[in-house]
Amino acid sequence: MNTIQTDVLIKKETQVRNMLRNTFAWMTIGLLLTSLVSWICLSSQAMLTAISRSPGLIIFAFLLQIGLVFYLSLRIMRLRASSAALLFLFYSALNGVTLSLILQMYTQQSIVNAFLSAAASFGGAAIYAASTKRNLSGIGHYLVMGLWGLIAASLLNMFLRSGPFSLLISIVGVVIFIGLTAYDTQVIKQWSDQYSDVVSDQDYGRLSILGALKLYLDFINIFIFFLRIFGSRR
């Protein structure tokens, strides 16, 4: 009996690691694709100029990104895992285009520093969440409330155009998304504990993509807020 129980525990632990690894692998692929597309856009001044001079296209791209996030978040369990993966990759590529419009305003050293700061913060939060025995579900509600407040403050500052207020928003944004990184990582780990040994391969893939989308958004937002805090303009 002890041998059987040990085998079951080993198998389950392996599945947990696999889902976490699969989720982070998809997130990494998304970030690499975003970086590649951004680099291509930044390497072509003609392309950047064409995009910058097409406000209608920029607005459409931003709205499409928001739509894709909501669609994947709400409908992913009704999609085939392959379709969900393609939509995630399409979103990552599209985000690379819009992100290049932000990156062109900052020096290369600022971009590198912001990326390293984001990677260290994200990695620390994810490792903590994956290894701690503390239940982080209690902070999830407050983080979501803080996120909505952050969105409202950002919209308000579009009219105020206050530098100090913008800096405060960015600092709060870093804190919120580092917290969301820890919270989301623990949620994904809980999915593994509860569903890894009972769901189909399709659902396993869907959950991995959904988790990758959550962590991808956390990382991108941490990076952008760090860039706004420490970035030097060209």
Protein backbone atom coordinates (compact mmCIF):
# COMPACT_ATOMS: atom_id res chain seq x y z
CA MET A 1 0.00 0.00 0.00
CA ASN A 2 2.81 2.42 0.85
CA THR A 3 4.44 1.76 -2.53
CA ILE A 4 1.17 2.43 -4.37
CA GLN A 5 0.58 5.66 -2.45
CA THR A 6 4.14 6.79 -3.15
CA ASP A 7 3.72 6.12 -6.90
CA VAL A 8 0.49 8.13 -6.97
CA LEU A 9 2.12 11.05 -5.17
CA ILE A 10 5.11 11.02 -7.51
CA LYS A 11 2.84 10.92 -10.56
CA LYS A 12 0.71 13.79 -9.29
CA GLU A 13 3.72 15.92 -8.42
CA THR A 14 5.12 15.33 -11.91
CA GLN A 15 1.85 16.54 -13.43
CA VAL A 16 1.93 19.67 -11.29
CA ARG A 17 5.42 20.46 -12.51
CA ASN A 18 4.42 19.78 -16.08
CA MET A 19 1.51 22.21 -16.01
CA LEU A 20 3.62 24.92 -14.44
CA ARG A 21 6.39 24.27 -16.92
CA ASN A 22 3.95 24.24 -19.82
CA THR A 23 2.34 27.48 -18.68
CA PHE A 24 5.65 29.28 -18.28
CA ALA A 25 6.86 27.86 -21.60
CA TRP A 26 3.86 29.34 -23.42
CA MET A 27 4.32 32.65 -21.62
CA THR A 28 7.99 32.71 -22.66
CA ILE A 29 7.07 31.95 -26.27
CA GLY A 30 4.57 34.82 -26.19
CA LEU A 31 7.16 37.23 -24.79
CA LEU A 32 9.76 36.16 -27.35
CA LEU A 33 7.26 36.69 -30.17
CA THR A 34 6.35 40.12 -28.80
CA SER A 35 10.04 41.03 -28.55
CA LEU A 36 10.72 39.85 -32.11
CA VAL A 37 7.84 41.82 -33.60
CA SER A 38 8.80 44.92 -31.59
CA TRP A 39 12.41 44.62 -32.76
CA ILE A 40 11.29 44.32 -36.40
CA CYS A 41 9.12 47.43 -36.06
CA LEU A 42 11.83 49.41 -34.26
CA SER A 43 14.36 48.42 -36.92
CA SER A 44 12.26 50.05 -39.64
CA GLN A 45 11.72 53.78 -39.29
CA ALA A 46 9.44 53.66 -42.31
CA MET A 47 7.23 51.09 -40.60
CA LEU A 48 7.13 53.07 -37.35
CA THR A 49 6.26 56.24 -39.24
CA ALA A 50 3.49 54.49 -41.15
CA ILE A 51 2.00 53.09 -37.93
CA SER A 52 2.32 56.40 -36.06
CA ARG A 53 0.55 58.26 -38.85
CA SER A 54 -2.42 55.87 -38.76
CA PRO A 55 -4.30 56.72 -35.55
CA GLY A 56 -7.32 54.75 -36.68
CA LEU A 57 -5.17 51.65 -37.09
CA ILE A 58 -3.58 52.15 -33.66
CA ILE A 59 -6.97 52.50 -31.97
CA PHE A 60 -8.25 49.42 -33.80
CA ALA A 61 -5.18 47.43 -32.73
CA PHE A 62 -5.62 48.42 -29.06
CA LEU A 63 -9.34 47.59 -29.12
CA LEU A 64 -8.60 44.27 -30.82
CA GLN A 65 -6.05 43.44 -28.11
CA ILE A 66 -8.56 44.18 -25.37
CA GLY A 67 -11.16 42.10 -27.18
CA LEU A 68 -8.77 39.17 -27.52
CA VAL A 69 -7.92 39.24 -23.82
CA PHE A 70 -11.57 39.20 -22.81
CA TYR A 71 -12.45 36.58 -25.42
CA LEU A 72 -9.69 34.23 -24.36
CA SER A 73 -10.38 34.78 -20.67
CA LEU A 74 -14.12 34.15 -20.96
CA ARG A 75 -14.40 31.64 -23.82
CA ILE A 76 -11.19 29.66 -23.75
CA MET A 77 -12.78 26.50 -22.34
CA ARG A 78 -15.04 26.37 -25.43
CA LEU A 79 -12.15 26.62 -27.87
CA ARG A 80 -9.89 23.88 -29.10
CA ALA A 81 -6.53 24.04 -27.36
CA SER A 82 -4.81 24.65 -30.71
CA SER A 83 -7.17 27.56 -31.49
CA ALA A 84 -6.54 29.09 -28.07
CA ALA A 85 -2.78 28.80 -28.65
CA LEU A 86 -3.02 30.50 -32.06
CA LEU A 87 -5.10 33.36 -30.62
CA PHE A 88 -2.57 33.80 -27.81
CA LEU A 89 0.29 33.94 -30.30
CA PHE A 90 -1.64 36.39 -32.50
CA TYR A 91 -2.25 38.59 -29.47
CA SER A 92 1.45 38.43 -28.53
CA ALA A 93 2.47 39.47 -32.05
CA LEU A 94 -0.08 42.29 -32.17
CA ASN A 95 1.13 43.51 -28.79
CA GLY A 96 4.63 43.64 -30.23
CA VAL A 97 3.44 46.18 -32.81
CA THR A 98 1.72 48.47 -30.31
CA LEU A 99 4.52 48.08 -27.76
CA SER A 100 7.06 49.31 -30.33
CA LEU A 101 5.25 52.67 -30.35
CA ILE A 102 6.06 53.00 -26.64
CA LEU A 103 9.60 51.64 -26.82
CA GLN A 104 10.64 54.08 -29.56
CA MET A 105 10.32 56.91 -27.03
CA TYR A 106 12.97 55.46 -24.69
CA THR A 107 16.70 54.82 -24.88
CA GLN A 108 17.98 51.30 -25.41
CA GLN A 109 19.63 51.26 -21.97
CA SER A 110 16.34 52.27 -20.35
CA ILE A 111 14.55 49.39 -22.08
CA VAL A 112 17.20 46.91 -20.93
CA ASN A 113 17.11 48.19 -17.33
CA ALA A 114 13.31 48.05 -17.23
CA PHE A 115 13.31 44.52 -18.64
CA LEU A 116 15.86 43.28 -16.09
CA SER A 117 13.94 44.92 -13.24
CA ALA A 118 10.69 43.37 -14.48
CA ALA A 119 12.27 39.94 -14.89
CA ALA A 120 13.74 40.02 -11.37
CA SER A 121 10.48 41.20 -9.79
CA PHE A 122 8.33 38.78 -11.77
CA GLY A 123 10.65 35.86 -11.12
CA GLY A 124 10.85 36.56 -7.40
CA ALA A 125 7.07 36.79 -7.06
CA ALA A 126 6.49 33.62 -9.10
CA ILE A 127 9.06 31.59 -7.17
CA TYR A 128 7.63 32.76 -3.86
CA ALA A 129 4.07 31.87 -4.89
CA ALA A 130 5.06 28.45 -6.20
CA SER A 131 6.98 27.52 -3.06
CA THR A 132 5.12 29.16 -0.18
CA LYS A 133 2.51 27.34 1.88
CA ARG A 134 0.71 30.60 2.56
CA ASN A 135 -2.68 30.94 0.83
CA LEU A 136 -2.63 34.10 -1.28
CA SER A 137 -6.30 33.95 -2.29
CA GLY A 138 -7.15 36.58 0.34
CA ILE A 139 -5.20 39.26 -1.50
CA GLY A 140 -6.74 38.50 -4.89
CA HIS A 141 -9.90 40.52 -4.23
CA TYR A 142 -7.92 43.56 -3.11
CA LEU A 143 -5.56 43.32 -6.09
CA VAL A 144 -8.47 43.29 -8.53
CA MET A 145 -10.00 46.30 -6.78
CA GLY A 146 -6.62 48.02 -6.96
CA LEU A 147 -6.37 47.19 -10.67
CA TRP A 148 -9.70 48.85 -11.42
CA GLY A 149 -8.62 51.85 -9.39
CA LEU A 150 -5.37 51.95 -11.36
CA ILE A 151 -7.29 51.93 -14.65
CA ALA A 152 -9.55 54.75 -13.45
CA ALA A 153 -6.57 56.81 -12.29
CA SER A 154 -4.79 56.27 -15.62
CA LEU A 155 -7.85 57.44 -17.55
CA LEU A 156 -8.13 60.50 -15.31
CA ASN A 157 -4.48 61.37 -15.85
CA MET A 158 -5.03 61.33 -19.61
CA PHE A 159 -6.84 64.63 -19.03
CA LEU A 160 -4.75 65.94 -16.13
CA ARG A 161 -1.38 65.11 -17.72
CA SER A 162 0.29 65.34 -14.30
CA GLY A 163 3.88 64.11 -14.12
CA PRO A 164 3.91 63.39 -10.36
CA PHE A 165 0.52 61.66 -10.59
CA SER A 166 1.81 59.57 -13.50
CA LEU A 167 4.84 58.52 -11.42
CA LEU A 168 2.57 57.55 -8.52
CA ILE A 169 0.36 55.50 -10.87
CA SER A 170 3.43 53.68 -12.21
CA ILE A 171 4.74 52.85 -8.72
CA VAL A 172 1.34 51.55 -7.63
CA GLY A 173 1.09 49.65 -10.92
CA VAL A 174 4.35 47.81 -10.26
CA VAL A 175 3.17 46.82 -6.78
CA ILE A 176 -0.23 45.62 -8.01
CA PHE A 177 1.12 43.53 -10.88
CA ILE A 178 3.87 41.97 -8.77
CA GLY A 179 1.10 40.97 -6.37
CA LEU A 180 -0.99 39.65 -9.27
CA THR A 181 2.01 37.63 -10.48
CA ALA A 182 2.21 35.86 -7.12
CA TYR A 183 -1.56 35.39 -6.96
CA ASP A 184 -1.87 34.09 -10.54
CA THR A 185 1.07 31.72 -10.11
CA GLN A 186 -0.54 30.18 -7.06
CA VAL A 187 -3.88 29.88 -8.87
CA ILE A 188 -2.17 27.99 -11.69
CA LYS A 189 -0.53 25.70 -9.17
CA GLN A 190 -3.93 25.06 -7.61
CA TRP A 191 -5.34 24.18 -11.04
CA SER A 192 -2.59 21.60 -11.28
CA ASP A 193 -3.37 20.14 -7.89
CA GLN A 194 -7.10 19.88 -8.60
CA TYR A 195 -7.37 19.10 -12.30
CA SER A 196 -4.15 17.62 -13.67
CA ASP A 197 -5.17 14.01 -13.10
CA VAL A 198 -8.81 14.37 -14.21
CA VAL A 199 -9.00 16.74 -17.19
CA SER A 200 -8.54 15.82 -20.84
CA ASP A 201 -5.51 16.82 -22.90
CA GLN A 202 -7.61 19.58 -24.47
CA ASP A 203 -8.51 21.09 -21.10
CA TYR A 204 -4.94 20.69 -19.93
CA GLY A 205 -3.82 22.73 -22.93
CA ARG A 206 -6.56 25.32 -22.47
CA LEU A 207 -5.64 25.87 -18.83
CA SER A 208 -1.97 26.22 -19.78
CA ILE A 209 -2.78 28.91 -22.36
CA LEU A 210 -5.08 30.75 -19.97
CA GLY A 211 -2.38 30.70 -17.30
CA ALA A 212 0.20 31.87 -19.83
CA LEU A 213 -2.03 34.80 -20.80
CA LYS A 214 -2.41 35.86 -17.16
CA LEU A 215 1.33 35.73 -16.48
CA TYR A 216 2.16 37.36 -19.82
CA LEU A 217 -0.07 40.33 -18.96
CA ASP A 218 1.48 40.58 -15.51
CA PHE A 219 5.01 40.68 -16.92
CA ILE A 220 4.25 43.16 -19.71
CA ASN A 221 2.57 45.57 -17.31
CA ILE A 222 5.43 45.35 -14.78
CA PHE A 223 7.86 46.07 -17.61
CA ILE A 224 5.91 49.08 -18.91
CA PHE A 225 5.51 50.60 -15.45
CA PHE A 226 9.21 50.16 -14.67
CA LEU A 227 9.98 51.80 -18.01
CA ARG A 228 7.82 54.78 -17.08
CA ILE A 229 9.48 55.08 -13.67
CA PHE A 230 13.14 54.79 -14.65
CA GLY A 231 13.14 55.23 -18.41
CA SER A 232 15.05 58.03 -20.10
CA ARG A 233 13.38 59.60 -23.10
CA ARG A 234 15.21 59.85 -26.40
